[in-house]
Protein backbone atom coordinates (compact mmCIF):
# COMPACT_ATOMS: atom_id res chain seq x y z
CA UNK A 1 -5.89 -4.98 -3.77
CA UNK A 2 -3.67 -2.78 -5.29
CA UNK A 3 -0.84 -4.76 -7.22
CA UNK A 4 1.82 -2.02 -6.16
CA UNK A 5 4.54 -3.75 -7.89
CA UNK A 6 2.60 -2.99 -11.93
CA UNK A 7 3.05 0.29 -10.77
CA UNK A 8 5.72 1.41 -9.06
CA UNK A 9 9.06 1.95 -11.86
CA UNK A 10 11.76 1.77 -9.58
CA UNK A 11 13.80 3.30 -12.18
CA UNK A 12 12.10 6.44 -11.43
CA UNK A 13 11.03 6.61 -8.42
CA UNK A 14 9.72 9.72 -8.05
CA UNK A 15 8.08 10.08 -11.20
CA UNK A 16 6.00 7.28 -9.40
CA UNK A 17 5.98 9.18 -6.30
CA UNK A 18 3.91 11.62 -8.16
CA UNK A 19 1.79 9.31 -9.82
CA UNK A 20 1.09 7.62 -6.39
CA UNK A 21 -0.01 10.98 -4.87
CA UNK A 22 -2.61 11.16 -8.72
CA UNK A 23 -4.35 7.93 -6.88
CA UNK A 24 -4.20 8.44 -3.78
CA UNK A 25 -6.21 11.56 -4.67
CA UNK A 26 -8.21 9.43 -6.77
CA UNK A 27 -8.79 7.28 -4.53
CA UNK A 28 -10.32 9.72 -1.86
CA UNK A 29 -12.87 11.45 -4.40
CA UNK A 30 -13.59 8.31 -5.56
CA UNK A 31 -14.93 7.77 -1.71
CA UNK A 32 -13.72 3.67 -1.95
CA UNK A 33 -12.75 2.99 2.34
CA UNK A 34 -10.38 0.08 1.19
CA UNK A 35 -8.93 1.36 -2.18
CA UNK A 36 -7.86 4.33 0.10
CA UNK A 37 -6.61 2.36 2.88
CA UNK A 38 -3.95 0.01 0.47
CA UNK A 39 -2.38 3.51 -0.68
CA UNK A 40 -2.33 5.06 2.33
CA UNK A 41 -0.47 1.90 4.49
CA UNK A 42 2.90 2.37 1.15
CA UNK A 43 2.48 5.59 1.84
CA UNK A 44 2.42 5.31 6.05
CA UNK A 45 4.77 2.68 5.53
CA UNK A 46 7.71 4.73 3.20
CA UNK A 47 7.19 8.27 5.53
CA UNK A 48 7.79 6.11 8.56
CA UNK A 49 10.44 4.56 7.36
CA UNK A 50 12.56 7.22 5.06
CA UNK A 51 12.39 4.63 2.28
CA UNK A 52 14.73 6.09 -0.24
CA UNK A 53 15.13 3.34 -3.33
CA UNK A 54 13.80 -0.80 -4.18
CA UNK A 55 14.52 -3.22 -2.32
CA UNK A 56 15.13 -2.21 1.22
CA UNK A 57 16.13 -4.07 3.88
CA UNK A 58 15.77 -2.35 7.55
CA UNK A 59 16.69 -5.30 10.83
CA UNK A 60 15.88 -3.89 13.74
CA UNK A 61 15.09 -0.25 12.56
CA UNK A 62 19.00 -0.42 11.24
CA UNK A 63 18.64 0.41 7.50
CA UNK A 64 21.53 -0.71 5.45
CA UNK A 65 23.17 0.24 3.05
CA UNK A 66 22.92 -1.98 0.61
CA UNK A 67 20.07 -4.95 0.28
CA UNK A 68 21.86 -7.05 -1.70
CA UNK A 69 24.84 -7.57 1.05
CA UNK A 70 24.24 -10.95 2.14
CA UNK A 71 27.45 -11.28 4.60
CA UNK A 72 26.06 -8.32 6.03
CA UNK A 73 22.98 -8.67 5.92
CA UNK A 74 23.83 -11.95 7.56
CA UNK A 75 26.73 -10.09 10.47
CA UNK A 76 23.16 -7.69 11.25
CA UNK A 77 21.44 -10.78 12.01
CA UNK A 78 23.85 -13.22 13.78
CA UNK A 79 24.39 -10.05 16.07
CA UNK A 80 20.78 -9.07 16.90
CA UNK A 81 20.00 -12.92 18.07
CA UNK A 82 23.13 -12.13 20.42
CA UNK A 83 22.23 -8.95 22.29
CA UNK A 84 18.74 -10.72 22.59
CA UNK A 85 20.39 -14.07 23.63
């Protein structure tokens, strides 16, 4: 299994994206289906949810601007729980 945390340079996301594109090319050429699947899952999730930074907090489709704002996270969760009851 790939340890994405050791591959990802949080200070340089664009450069890291290029590294992942290179790894994807290598995985395709290697024919390793498992390796290719792992890389594709990460890329697909980033594209699908428009992840711009790490960490990104998403609650019921709502992307929070500040992933470290505990009060906002709690507020959104509480509101979602209230809406679903």
